[in-house]
Structure formats: structure tokens, C-alpha cells
Amino acid sequence: MSEAGILRHMALFWLKRPDSIEDRNMLIAGVETLRAIPQVKTLHIGVPAPTEARDVVDHSWAVSETMTFDSLEDQAAYQPHPLHEAFIARCGHLWERVAVYDIFDAPQG
């Protein structure tokens, strides 16, 4: 593990056809293939929860992925990995937008 701790890598995907359950399921299946990349320590796949509509809540995305990596180097090795590149080639036509957030725990004290 790096000195900064575990790296959380979160991506939100907006589908080109947001009402297509088939496209959503195809994207979820594609994200699932990323679990086989050795540098990926954990993978969680999600969809928006049906919580109340408020100004600060964004329900507009379709699928999320949250991964953890032991280091920045592991995350960097993940990017060009053949399974990651295959996922983009196979599923990239499904989304119109992706937002990525890479997160370290805040310093304590």
C-alpha cells in the first residue's frame, strides 16, 4: 500500500440511451470484467438509489463503479491493461459521458 493509503477510483457513467435497460445491463456486465485485472483490489458496481429529489442529489447517471487500488502505480498500471482497453472498446459506444473521481482518505489530525 502507498504512503497515502488506498486509492479509491470512482466512475459515473451516463448512457446515450438512458432508458435502455439492455444498454445498462451490457455496461454492468462490461464493468464486471474489470474485476479480473490483478491491480483491482475491490470492485463495487452500482445504480442510482431512488432517494428523494433534492437540489444536491444527482440521479442522472446510470451506472457507477468504485474500485480500490493499493497505490497510484497500481491505478496507473490498470489504465493500459488489455482488459480495461477491451472494456472501453466493447462498451464505449454505450455512454455519452463518464466522470472519474480518484480519492485518498483525508489526513487525520
PDB file of N, CA and C in Angstrom:
ATOM      1  N   MET A   1       0.841  -1.176   0.000  1.00  0.00           N
ATOM      2  CA  MET A   1       0.000   0.000   0.000  1.00  0.00           C
ATOM      3  C   MET A   1       0.888   1.242   0.000  1.00  0.00           C
ATOM      4  N   SER A   2       0.456   2.277  -0.701  1.00  0.00           N
ATOM      5  CA  SER A   2       1.252   3.504  -0.777  1.00  0.00           C
ATOM      6  C   SER A   2       1.178   4.266   0.540  1.00  0.00           C
ATOM      7  N   GLU A   3       2.092   5.231   0.683  1.00  0.00           N
ATOM      8  CA  GLU A   3       2.108   6.047   1.908  1.00  0.00           C
ATOM      9  C   GLU A   3       0.803   6.814   2.074  1.00  0.00           C
ATOM     10  N   ALA A   4       0.151   7.169   0.973  1.00  0.00           N
ATOM     11  CA  ALA A   4      -1.102   7.920   1.036  1.00  0.00           C
ATOM     12  C   ALA A   4      -2.294   7.013   1.346  1.00  0.00           C
ATOM     13  N   GLY A   5      -2.097   5.712   1.329  1.00  0.00           N
ATOM     14  CA  GLY A   5      -3.187   4.782   1.623  1.00  0.00           C
ATOM     15  C   GLY A   5      -3.821   4.240   0.365  1.00  0.00           C
ATOM     16  N   ILE A   6      -4.949   3.618   0.563  1.00  0.00           N
ATOM     17  CA  ILE A   6      -5.687   3.011  -0.543  1.00  0.00           C
ATOM     18  C   ILE A   6      -6.260   4.108  -1.437  1.00  0.00           C
ATOM     19  N   LEU A   7      -6.184   3.876  -2.735  1.00  0.00           N
ATOM     20  CA  LEU A   7      -6.765   4.787  -3.724  1.00  0.00           C
ATOM     21  C   LEU A   7      -8.133   4.262  -4.119  1.00  0.00           C
ATOM     22  N   ARG A   8      -9.156   5.093  -3.960  1.00  0.00           N
ATOM     23  CA  ARG A   8     -10.494   4.752  -4.422  1.00  0.00           C
ATOM     24  C   ARG A   8     -10.706   5.432  -5.767  1.00  0.00           C
ATOM     25  N   HIS A   9     -11.133   4.654  -6.735  1.00  0.00           N
ATOM     26  CA  HIS A   9     -11.339   5.126  -8.107  1.00  0.00           C
ATOM     27  C   HIS A   9     -12.823   4.953  -8.406  1.00  0.00           C
ATOM     28  N   MET A  10     -13.531   6.078  -8.552  1.00  0.00           N
ATOM     29  CA  MET A  10     -14.962   6.028  -8.785  1.00  0.00           C
ATOM     30  C   MET A  10     -15.272   6.622 -10.151  1.00  0.00           C
ATOM     31  N   ALA A  11     -16.089   5.924 -10.924  1.00  0.00           N
ATOM     32  CA  ALA A  11     -16.525   6.425 -12.221  1.00  0.00           C
ATOM     33  C   ALA A  11     -18.046   6.372 -12.286  1.00  0.00           C
ATOM     34  N   LEU A  12     -18.628   7.439 -12.804  1.00  0.00           N
ATOM     35  CA  LEU A  12     -20.060   7.507 -13.055  1.00  0.00           C
ATOM     36  C   LEU A  12     -20.257   7.545 -14.561  1.00  0.00           C
ATOM     37  N   PHE A  13     -21.189   6.738 -15.055  1.00  0.00           N
ATOM     38  CA  PHE A  13     -21.457   6.629 -16.487  1.00  0.00           C
ATOM     39  C   PHE A  13     -22.869   7.125 -16.797  1.00  0.00           C
ATOM     40  N   TRP A  14     -22.992   7.965 -17.813  1.00  0.00           N
ATOM     41  CA  TRP A  14     -24.272   8.407 -18.345  1.00  0.00           C
ATOM     42  C   TRP A  14     -24.460   7.725 -19.698  1.00  0.00           C
ATOM     43  N   LEU A  15     -25.534   7.001 -19.851  1.00  0.00           N
ATOM     44  CA  LEU A  15     -25.788   6.282 -21.093  1.00  0.00           C
ATOM     45  C   LEU A  15     -26.303   7.210 -22.190  1.00  0.00           C
ATOM     46  N   LYS A  16     -25.965   6.881 -23.433  1.00  0.00           N
ATOM     47  CA  LYS A  16     -26.532   7.595 -24.575  1.00  0.00           C
ATOM     48  C   LYS A  16     -28.038   7.373 -24.642  1.00  0.00           C
ATOM     49  N   ARG A  17     -28.459   6.162 -24.274  1.00  0.00           N
ATOM     50  CA  ARG A  17     -29.891   5.822 -24.237  1.00  0.00           C
ATOM     51  C   ARG A  17     -30.261   5.509 -22.783  1.00  0.00           C
ATOM     52  N   PRO A  18     -30.506   6.540 -21.989  1.00  0.00           N
ATOM     53  CA  PRO A  18     -30.690   6.339 -20.543  1.00  0.00           C
ATOM     54  C   PRO A  18     -31.860   5.451 -20.155  1.00  0.00           C
ATOM     55  N   ASP A  19     -32.833   5.276 -21.023  1.00  0.00           N
ATOM     56  CA  ASP A  19     -33.982   4.436 -20.694  1.00  0.00           C
ATOM     57  C   ASP A  19     -33.802   2.978 -21.117  1.00  0.00           C
ATOM     58  N   SER A  20     -32.639   2.659 -21.699  1.00  0.00           N
ATOM     59  CA  SER A  20     -32.407   1.301 -22.191  1.00  0.00           C
ATOM     60  C   SER A  20     -31.853   0.399 -21.082  1.00  0.00           C
ATOM     61  N   ILE A  21     -32.671  -0.511 -20.609  1.00  0.00           N
ATOM     62  CA  ILE A  21     -32.235  -1.487 -19.607  1.00  0.00           C
ATOM     63  C   ILE A  21     -31.180  -2.400 -20.225  1.00  0.00           C
ATOM     64  N   GLU A  22     -31.340  -2.716 -21.510  1.00  0.00           N
ATOM     65  CA  GLU A  22     -30.371  -3.567 -22.205  1.00  0.00           C
ATOM     66  C   GLU A  22     -28.984  -2.922 -22.206  1.00  0.00           C
ATOM     67  N   ASP A  23     -28.921  -1.627 -22.515  1.00  0.00           N
ATOM     68  CA  ASP A  23     -27.628  -0.933 -22.511  1.00  0.00           C
ATOM     69  C   ASP A  23     -27.046  -0.876 -21.101  1.00  0.00           C
ATOM     70  N   ARG A  24     -27.901  -0.608 -20.117  1.00  0.00           N
ATOM     71  CA  ARG A  24     -27.414  -0.567 -18.729  1.00  0.00           C
ATOM     72  C   ARG A  24     -26.847  -1.919 -18.325  1.00  0.00           C
ATOM     73  N   ASN A  25     -27.553  -2.989 -18.639  1.00  0.00           N
ATOM     74  CA  ASN A  25     -27.083  -4.320 -18.268  1.00  0.00           C
ATOM     75  C   ASN A  25     -25.805  -4.699 -19.018  1.00  0.00           C
ATOM     76  N   MET A  26     -25.682  -4.270 -20.271  1.00  0.00           N
ATOM     77  CA  MET A  26     -24.468  -4.531 -21.034  1.00  0.00           C
ATOM     78  C   MET A  26     -23.277  -3.789 -20.406  1.00  0.00           C
ATOM     79  N   LEU A  27     -23.507  -2.556 -19.964  1.00  0.00           N
ATOM     80  CA  LEU A  27     -22.445  -1.788 -19.308  1.00  0.00           C
ATOM     81  C   LEU A  27     -22.057  -2.438 -17.980  1.00  0.00           C
ATOM     82  N   ILE A  28     -23.031  -2.853 -17.198  1.00  0.00           N
ATOM     83  CA  ILE A  28     -22.747  -3.518 -15.924  1.00  0.00           C
ATOM     84  C   ILE A  28     -21.919  -4.776 -16.158  1.00  0.00           C
ATOM     85  N   ALA A  29     -22.293  -5.575 -17.157  1.00  0.00           N
ATOM     86  CA  ALA A  29     -21.526  -6.786 -17.479  1.00  0.00           C
ATOM     87  C   ALA A  29     -20.112  -6.435 -17.910  1.00  0.00           C
ATOM     88  N   GLY A  30     -19.957  -5.357 -18.647  1.00  0.00           N
ATOM     89  CA  GLY A  30     -18.625  -4.921 -19.060  1.00  0.00           C
ATOM     90  C   GLY A  30     -17.772  -4.494 -17.880  1.00  0.00           C
ATOM     91  N   VAL A  31     -18.360  -3.710 -16.980  1.00  0.00           N
ATOM     92  CA  VAL A  31     -17.621  -3.285 -15.784  1.00  0.00           C
ATOM     93  C   VAL A  31     -17.199  -4.504 -14.969  1.00  0.00           C
ATOM     94  N   GLU A  32     -18.056  -5.485 -14.887  1.00  0.00           N
ATOM     95  CA  GLU A  32     -17.748  -6.699 -14.121  1.00  0.00           C
ATOM     96  C   GLU A  32     -16.462  -7.371 -14.621  1.00  0.00           C
ATOM     97  N   THR A  33     -16.161  -7.283 -15.907  1.00  0.00           N
ATOM     98  CA  THR A  33     -14.946  -7.909 -16.446  1.00  0.00           C
ATOM     99  C   THR A  33     -13.679  -7.281 -15.882  1.00  0.00           C
ATOM    100  N   LEU A  34     -13.776  -6.055 -15.378  1.00  0.00           N
ATOM    101  CA  LEU A  34     -12.601  -5.357 -14.835  1.00  0.00           C
ATOM    102  C   LEU A  34     -12.123  -5.967 -13.523  1.00  0.00           C
ATOM    103  N   ARG A  35     -12.976  -6.738 -12.893  1.00  0.00           N
ATOM    104  CA  ARG A  35     -12.630  -7.401 -11.635  1.00  0.00           C
ATOM    105  C   ARG A  35     -11.429  -8.332 -11.814  1.00  0.00           C
ATOM    106  N   ALA A  36     -11.204  -8.846 -13.024  1.00  0.00           N
ATOM    107  CA  ALA A  36     -10.119  -9.795 -13.293  1.00  0.00           C
ATOM    108  C   ALA A  36      -8.752  -9.128 -13.429  1.00  0.00           C
ATOM    109  N   ILE A  37      -8.702  -7.811 -13.436  1.00  0.00           N
ATOM    110  CA  ILE A  37      -7.420  -7.112 -13.526  1.00  0.00           C
ATOM    111  C   ILE A  37      -6.726  -7.224 -12.177  1.00  0.00           C
ATOM    112  N   PRO A  38      -5.496  -7.745 -12.140  1.00  0.00           N
ATOM    113  CA  PRO A  38      -4.839  -8.033 -10.858  1.00  0.00           C
ATOM    114  C   PRO A  38      -4.695  -6.831  -9.929  1.00  0.00           C
ATOM    115  N   GLN A  39      -4.528  -5.653 -10.465  1.00  0.00           N
ATOM    116  CA  GLN A  39      -4.328  -4.466  -9.624  1.00  0.00           C
ATOM    117  C   GLN A  39      -5.626  -4.008  -8.941  1.00  0.00           C
ATOM    118  N   VAL A  40      -6.768  -4.444  -9.437  1.00  0.00           N
ATOM    119  CA  VAL A  40      -8.053  -4.063  -8.846  1.00  0.00           C
ATOM    120  C   VAL A  40      -8.273  -4.905  -7.589  1.00  0.00           C
ATOM    121  N   LYS A  41      -8.234  -4.253  -6.441  1.00  0.00           N
ATOM    122  CA  LYS A  41      -8.389  -4.969  -5.171  1.00  0.00           C
ATOM    123  C   LYS A  41      -9.848  -5.233  -4.835  1.00  0.00           C
ATOM    124  N   THR A  42     -10.705  -4.246  -5.032  1.00  0.00           N
ATOM    125  CA  THR A  42     -12.138  -4.423  -4.830  1.00  0.00           C
ATOM    126  C   THR A  42     -12.863  -3.690  -5.947  1.00  0.00           C
ATOM    127  N   LEU A  43     -14.078  -4.154  -6.240  1.00  0.00           N
ATOM    128  CA  LEU A  43     -14.910  -3.514  -7.257  1.00  0.00           C
ATOM    129  C   LEU A  43     -16.351  -3.561  -6.792  1.00  0.00           C
ATOM    130  N   HIS A  44     -16.987  -2.395  -6.779  1.00  0.00           N
ATOM    131  CA  HIS A  44     -18.411  -2.298  -6.482  1.00  0.00           C
ATOM    132  C   HIS A  44     -19.082  -1.639  -7.678  1.00  0.00           C
ATOM    133  N   ILE A  45     -20.177  -2.218  -8.148  1.00  0.00           N
ATOM    134  CA  ILE A  45     -20.938  -1.669  -9.263  1.00  0.00           C
ATOM    135  C   ILE A  45     -22.284  -1.239  -8.715  1.00  0.00           C
ATOM    136  N   GLY A  46     -22.721  -0.028  -9.068  1.00  0.00           N
ATOM    137  CA  GLY A  46     -23.973   0.478  -8.537  1.00  0.00           C
ATOM    138  C   GLY A  46     -24.845   1.153  -9.571  1.00  0.00           C
ATOM    139  N   VAL A  47     -26.082   1.413  -9.167  1.00  0.00           N
ATOM    140  CA  VAL A  47     -27.057   2.184  -9.935  1.00  0.00           C
ATOM    141  C   VAL A  47     -27.671   3.201  -8.974  1.00  0.00           C
ATOM    142  N   PRO A  48     -28.265   4.262  -9.494  1.00  0.00           N
ATOM    143  CA  PRO A  48     -28.818   5.284  -8.599  1.00  0.00           C
ATOM    144  C   PRO A  48     -29.902   4.725  -7.681  1.00  0.00           C
ATOM    145  N   ALA A  49     -29.825   5.106  -6.430  1.00  0.00           N
ATOM    146  CA  ALA A  49     -30.859   4.733  -5.464  1.00  0.00           C
ATOM    147  C   ALA A  49     -32.061   5.666  -5.641  1.00  0.00           C
ATOM    148  N   PRO A  50     -33.259   5.172  -5.403  1.00  0.00           N
ATOM    149  CA  PRO A  50     -34.455   6.002  -5.579  1.00  0.00           C
ATOM    150  C   PRO A  50     -34.736   6.905  -4.364  1.00  0.00           C
ATOM    151  N   THR A  51     -33.723   7.674  -4.004  1.00  0.00           N
ATOM    152  CA  THR A  51     -33.886   8.603  -2.879  1.00  0.00           C
ATOM    153  C   THR A  51     -34.647   9.842  -3.340  1.00  0.00           C
ATOM    154  N   GLU A  52     -35.029  10.667  -2.364  1.00  0.00           N
ATOM    155  CA  GLU A  52     -35.819  11.847  -2.675  1.00  0.00           C
ATOM    156  C   GLU A  52     -35.039  12.824  -3.559  1.00  0.00           C
ATOM    157  N   ALA A  53     -35.769  13.528  -4.402  1.00  0.00           N
ATOM    158  CA  ALA A  53     -35.163  14.543  -5.267  1.00  0.00           C
ATOM    159  C   ALA A  53     -34.870  15.782  -4.425  1.00  0.00           C
ATOM    160  N   ARG A  54     -33.618  16.186  -4.420  1.00  0.00           N
ATOM    161  CA  ARG A  54     -33.191  17.414  -3.744  1.00  0.00           C
ATOM    162  C   ARG A  54     -32.176  18.089  -4.654  1.00  0.00           C
ATOM    163  N   ASP A  55     -31.942  19.361  -4.466  1.00  0.00           N
ATOM    164  CA  ASP A  55     -31.011  20.109  -5.315  1.00  0.00           C
ATOM    165  C   ASP A  55     -29.611  19.508  -5.318  1.00  0.00           C
ATOM    166  N   VAL A  56     -29.200  18.871  -4.229  1.00  0.00           N
ATOM    167  CA  VAL A  56     -27.832  18.356  -4.124  1.00  0.00           C
ATOM    168  C   VAL A  56     -27.698  16.896  -4.555  1.00  0.00           C
ATOM    169  N   VAL A  57     -28.809  16.251  -4.906  1.00  0.00           N
ATOM    170  CA  VAL A  57     -28.776  14.840  -5.283  1.00  0.00           C
ATOM    171  C   VAL A  57     -28.820  14.724  -6.807  1.00  0.00           C
ATOM    172  N   ASP A  58     -27.870  13.967  -7.354  1.00  0.00           N
ATOM    173  CA  ASP A  58     -27.784  13.751  -8.798  1.00  0.00           C
ATOM    174  C   ASP A  58     -28.178  12.313  -9.102  1.00  0.00           C
ATOM    175  N   HIS A  59     -29.335  12.139  -9.704  1.00  0.00           N
ATOM    176  CA  HIS A  59     -29.810  10.816 -10.112  1.00  0.00           C
ATOM    177  C   HIS A  59     -29.642  10.611 -11.614  1.00  0.00           C
ATOM    178  N   SER A  60     -28.925  11.494 -12.291  1.00  0.00           N
ATOM    179  CA  SER A  60     -28.902  11.496 -13.753  1.00  0.00           C
ATOM    180  C   SER A  60     -28.001  10.429 -14.373  1.00  0.00           C
ATOM    181  N   TRP A  61     -27.085   9.870 -13.615  1.00  0.00           N
ATOM    182  CA  TRP A  61     -26.177   8.847 -14.145  1.00  0.00           C
ATOM    183  C   TRP A  61     -26.871   7.487 -14.126  1.00  0.00           C
ATOM    184  N   ALA A  62     -26.259   6.512 -14.818  1.00  0.00           N
ATOM    185  CA  ALA A  62     -26.902   5.202 -14.960  1.00  0.00           C
ATOM    186  C   ALA A  62     -26.193   4.089 -14.201  1.00  0.00           C
ATOM    187  N   VAL A  63     -24.853   4.090 -14.226  1.00  0.00           N
ATOM    188  CA  VAL A  63     -24.058   3.025 -13.609  1.00  0.00           C
ATOM    189  C   VAL A  63     -22.837   3.675 -12.963  1.00  0.00           C
ATOM    190  N   SER A  64     -22.462   3.139 -11.807  1.00  0.00           N
ATOM    191  CA  SER A  64     -21.226   3.584 -11.162  1.00  0.00           C
ATOM    192  C   SER A  64     -20.314   2.388 -10.926  1.00  0.00           C
ATOM    193  N   GLU A  65     -19.031   2.685 -10.884  1.00  0.00           N
ATOM    194  CA  GLU A  65     -18.057   1.682 -10.448  1.00  0.00           C
ATOM    195  C   GLU A  65     -17.180   2.346  -9.410  1.00  0.00           C
ATOM    196  N   THR A  66     -16.884   1.618  -8.359  1.00  0.00           N
ATOM    197  CA  THR A  66     -15.925   2.076  -7.362  1.00  0.00           C
ATOM    198  C   THR A  66     -14.924   0.949  -7.167  1.00  0.00           C
ATOM    199  N   MET A  67     -13.667   1.259  -7.438  1.00  0.00           N
ATOM    200  CA  MET A  67     -12.579   0.285  -7.297  1.00  0.00           C
ATOM    201  C   MET A  67     -11.623   0.783  -6.237  1.00  0.00           C
ATOM    202  N   THR A  68     -10.862  -0.140  -5.682  1.00  0.00           N
ATOM    203  CA  THR A  68      -9.749   0.268  -4.838  1.00  0.00           C
ATOM    204  C   THR A  68      -8.470  -0.317  -5.404  1.00  0.00           C
ATOM    205  N   PHE A  69      -7.412   0.467  -5.228  1.00  0.00           N
ATOM    206  CA  PHE A  69      -6.058   0.087  -5.623  1.00  0.00           C
ATOM    207  C   PHE A  69      -5.143   0.321  -4.427  1.00  0.00           C
ATOM    208  N   ASP A  70      -4.082  -0.464  -4.339  1.00  0.00           N
ATOM    209  CA  ASP A  70      -3.127  -0.294  -3.242  1.00  0.00           C
ATOM    210  C   ASP A  70      -2.213   0.906  -3.422  1.00  0.00           C
ATOM    211  N   SER A  71      -2.123   1.433  -4.653  1.00  0.00           N
ATOM    212  CA  SER A  71      -1.169   2.530  -4.891  1.00  0.00           C
ATOM    213  C   SER A  71      -1.522   3.268  -6.172  1.00  0.00           C
ATOM    214  N   LEU A  72      -0.925   4.441  -6.335  1.00  0.00           N
ATOM    215  CA  LEU A  72      -1.047   5.181  -7.584  1.00  0.00           C
ATOM    216  C   LEU A  72      -0.467   4.386  -8.741  1.00  0.00           C
ATOM    217  N   GLU A  73       0.598   3.645  -8.461  1.00  0.00           N
ATOM    218  CA  GLU A  73       1.242   2.833  -9.501  1.00  0.00           C
ATOM    219  C   GLU A  73       0.299   1.734  -9.987  1.00  0.00           C
ATOM    220  N   ASP A  74      -0.439   1.113  -9.072  1.00  0.00           N
ATOM    221  CA  ASP A  74      -1.396   0.085  -9.469  1.00  0.00           C
ATOM    222  C   ASP A  74      -2.513   0.684 -10.326  1.00  0.00           C
ATOM    223  N   GLN A  75      -2.980   1.870  -9.956  1.00  0.00           N
ATOM    224  CA  GLN A  75      -4.021   2.520 -10.751  1.00  0.00           C
ATOM    225  C   GLN A  75      -3.477   2.881 -12.135  1.00  0.00           C
ATOM    226  N   ALA A  76      -2.238   3.326 -12.195  1.00  0.00           N
ATOM    227  CA  ALA A  76      -1.621   3.658 -13.481  1.00  0.00           C
ATOM    228  C   ALA A  76      -1.449   2.408 -14.349  1.00  0.00           C
ATOM    229  N   ALA A  77      -1.138   1.275 -13.748  1.00  0.00           N
ATOM    230  CA  ALA A  77      -0.995   0.024 -14.495  1.00  0.00           C
ATOM    231  C   ALA A  77      -2.346  -0.485 -14.992  1.00  0.00           C
ATOM    232  N   TYR A  78      -3.404  -0.170 -14.285  1.00  0.00           N
ATOM    233  CA  TYR A  78      -4.758  -0.573 -14.672  1.00  0.00           C
ATOM    234  C   TYR A  78      -5.182   0.103 -15.972  1.00  0.00           C
ATOM    235  N   GLN A  79      -4.833   1.366 -16.140  1.00  0.00           N
ATOM    236  CA  GLN A  79      -5.326   2.144 -17.285  1.00  0.00           C
ATOM    237  C   GLN A  79      -5.021   1.485 -18.636  1.00  0.00           C
ATOM    238  N   PRO A  80      -3.766   1.063 -18.915  1.00  0.00           N
ATOM    239  CA  PRO A  80      -3.483   0.444 -20.217  1.00  0.00           C
ATOM    240  C   PRO A  80      -3.670  -1.075 -20.240  1.00  0.00           C
ATOM    241  N   HIS A  81      -4.179  -1.656 -19.150  1.00  0.00           N
ATOM    242  CA  HIS A  81      -4.329  -3.110 -19.096  1.00  0.00           C
ATOM    243  C   HIS A  81      -5.239  -3.573 -20.243  1.00  0.00           C
ATOM    244  N   PRO A  82      -4.923  -4.684 -20.893  1.00  0.00           N
ATOM    245  CA  PRO A  82      -5.730  -5.161 -22.020  1.00  0.00           C
ATOM    246  C   PRO A  82      -7.217  -5.370 -21.685  1.00  0.00           C
ATOM    247  N   LEU A  83      -7.547  -5.799 -20.475  1.00  0.00           N
ATOM    248  CA  LEU A  83      -8.956  -5.973 -20.114  1.00  0.00           C
ATOM    249  C   LEU A  83      -9.676  -4.630 -19.989  1.00  0.00           C
ATOM    250  N   HIS A  84      -8.969  -3.615 -19.521  1.00  0.00           N
ATOM    251  CA  HIS A  84      -9.561  -2.271 -19.440  1.00  0.00           C
ATOM    252  C   HIS A  84      -9.767  -1.716 -20.837  1.00  0.00           C
ATOM    253  N   GLU A  85      -8.773  -1.879 -21.692  1.00  0.00           N
ATOM    254  CA  GLU A  85      -8.893  -1.397 -23.067  1.00  0.00           C
ATOM    255  C   GLU A  85     -10.004  -2.148 -23.818  1.00  0.00           C
ATOM    256  N   ALA A  86     -10.139  -3.457 -23.561  1.00  0.00           N
ATOM    257  CA  ALA A  86     -11.211  -4.242 -24.192  1.00  0.00           C
ATOM    258  C   ALA A  86     -12.583  -3.764 -23.713  1.00  0.00           C
ATOM    259  N   PHE A  87     -12.696  -3.430 -22.441  1.00  0.00           N
ATOM    260  CA  PHE A  87     -13.945  -2.901 -21.898  1.00  0.00           C
ATOM    261  C   PHE A  87     -14.335  -1.612 -22.620  1.00  0.00           C
ATOM    262  N   ILE A  88     -13.383  -0.704 -22.782  1.00  0.00           N
ATOM    263  CA  ILE A  88     -13.668   0.562 -23.459  1.00  0.00           C
ATOM    264  C   ILE A  88     -14.085   0.306 -24.911  1.00  0.00           C
ATOM    265  N   ALA A  89     -13.372  -0.588 -25.599  1.00  0.00           N
ATOM    266  CA  ALA A  89     -13.700  -0.899 -26.993  1.00  0.00           C
ATOM    267  C   ALA A  89     -15.091  -1.533 -27.116  1.00  0.00           C
ATOM    268  N   ARG A  90     -15.446  -2.395 -26.165  1.00  0.00           N
ATOM    269  CA  ARG A  90     -16.708  -3.133 -26.221  1.00  0.00           C
ATOM    270  C   ARG A  90     -17.898  -2.290 -25.738  1.00  0.00           C
ATOM    271  N   CYS A  91     -17.662  -1.398 -24.777  1.00  0.00           N
ATOM    272  CA  CYS A  91     -18.785  -0.688 -24.154  1.00  0.00           C
ATOM    273  C   CYS A  91     -18.783   0.823 -24.377  1.00  0.00           C
ATOM    274  N   GLY A  92     -17.724   1.360 -24.922  1.00  0.00           N
ATOM    275  CA  GLY A  92     -17.611   2.817 -25.067  1.00  0.00           C
ATOM    276  C   GLY A  92     -18.732   3.450 -25.868  1.00  0.00           C
ATOM    277  N   HIS A  93     -19.319   2.705 -26.780  1.00  0.00           N
ATOM    278  CA  HIS A  93     -20.410   3.245 -27.588  1.00  0.00           C
ATOM    279  C   HIS A  93     -21.687   3.447 -26.767  1.00  0.00           C
ATOM    280  N   LEU A  94     -21.747   2.866 -25.572  1.00  0.00           N
ATOM    281  CA  LEU A  94     -22.951   2.945 -24.752  1.00  0.00           C
ATOM    282  C   LEU A  94     -23.083   4.262 -23.999  1.00  0.00           C
ATOM    283  N   TRP A  95     -21.968   4.889 -23.654  1.00  0.00           N
ATOM    284  CA  TRP A  95     -22.055   6.072 -22.805  1.00  0.00           C
ATOM    285  C   TRP A  95     -21.803   7.354 -23.577  1.00  0.00           C
ATOM    286  N   GLU A  96     -22.440   8.432 -23.048  1.00  0.00           N
ATOM    287  CA  GLU A  96     -22.213   9.752 -23.616  1.00  0.00           C
ATOM    288  C   GLU A  96     -21.263  10.562 -22.743  1.00  0.00           C
ATOM    289  N   ARG A  97     -21.131  10.138 -21.485  1.00  0.00           N
ATOM    290  CA  ARG A  97     -20.272  10.879 -20.554  1.00  0.00           C
ATOM    291  C   ARG A  97     -19.808   9.945 -19.454  1.00  0.00           C
ATOM    292  N   VAL A  98     -18.581  10.173 -18.995  1.00  0.00           N
ATOM    293  CA  VAL A  98     -18.037   9.478 -17.832  1.00  0.00           C
ATOM    294  C   VAL A  98     -17.358  10.535 -16.965  1.00  0.00           C
ATOM    295  N   ALA A  99     -17.599  10.481 -15.674  1.00  0.00           N
ATOM    296  CA  ALA A  99     -16.888  11.335 -14.721  1.00  0.00           C
ATOM    297  C   ALA A  99     -16.126  10.421 -13.774  1.00  0.00           C
ATOM    298  N   VAL A 100     -14.841  10.710 -13.583  1.00  0.00           N
ATOM    299  CA  VAL A 100     -13.979   9.886 -12.732  1.00  0.00           C
ATOM    300  C   VAL A 100     -13.512  10.714 -11.544  1.00  0.00           C
ATOM    301  N   TYR A 101     -13.544  10.086 -10.368  1.00  0.00           N
ATOM    302  CA  TYR A 101     -13.072  10.708  -9.135  1.00  0.00           C
ATOM    303  C   TYR A 101     -12.087   9.742  -8.498  1.00  0.00           C
ATOM    304  N   ASP A 102     -10.842  10.182  -8.329  1.00  0.00           N
ATOM    305  CA  ASP A 102      -9.820   9.374  -7.662  1.00  0.00           C
ATOM    306  C   ASP A 102      -9.611   9.985  -6.282  1.00  0.00           C
ATOM    307  N   ILE A 103      -9.700   9.137  -5.251  1.00  0.00           N
ATOM    308  CA  ILE A 103      -9.840   9.634  -3.880  1.00  0.00           C
ATOM    309  C   ILE A 103      -8.864   8.929  -2.933  1.00  0.00           C
ATOM    310  N   PHE A 104      -8.164   9.713  -2.130  1.00  0.00           N
ATOM    311  CA  PHE A 104      -7.414   9.224  -0.972  1.00  0.00           C
ATOM    312  C   PHE A 104      -8.166   9.656   0.276  1.00  0.00           C
ATOM    313  N   ASP A 105      -8.005   8.930   1.380  1.00  0.00           N
ATOM    314  CA  ASP A 105      -8.576   9.364   2.652  1.00  0.00           C
ATOM    315  C   ASP A 105      -7.935  10.677   3.065  1.00  0.00           C
ATOM    316  N   ALA A 106      -8.722  11.525   3.669  1.00  0.00           N
ATOM    317  CA  ALA A 106      -8.232  12.813   4.162  1.00  0.00           C
ATOM    318  C   ALA A 106      -7.269  12.565   5.322  1.00  0.00           C
ATOM    319  N   PRO A 107      -6.241  13.415   5.446  1.00  0.00           N
ATOM    320  CA  PRO A 107      -5.326  13.262   6.586  1.00  0.00           C
ATOM    321  C   PRO A 107      -6.063  13.443   7.908  1.00  0.00           C
ATOM    322  N   GLN A 108      -5.657  12.701   8.897  1.00  0.00           N
ATOM    323  CA  GLN A 108      -6.275  12.797  10.213  1.00  0.00           C
ATOM    324  C   GLN A 108      -5.383  13.650  11.125  1.00  0.00           C
ATOM    325  N   GLY A 109      -6.035  14.426  11.940  1.00  0.00           N
ATOM    326  CA  GLY A 109      -5.290  15.180  12.940  1.00  0.00           C
ATOM    327  C   GLY A 109      -4.945  16.498  12.550  1.00  0.00           C
TER     328      GLY A 109
END
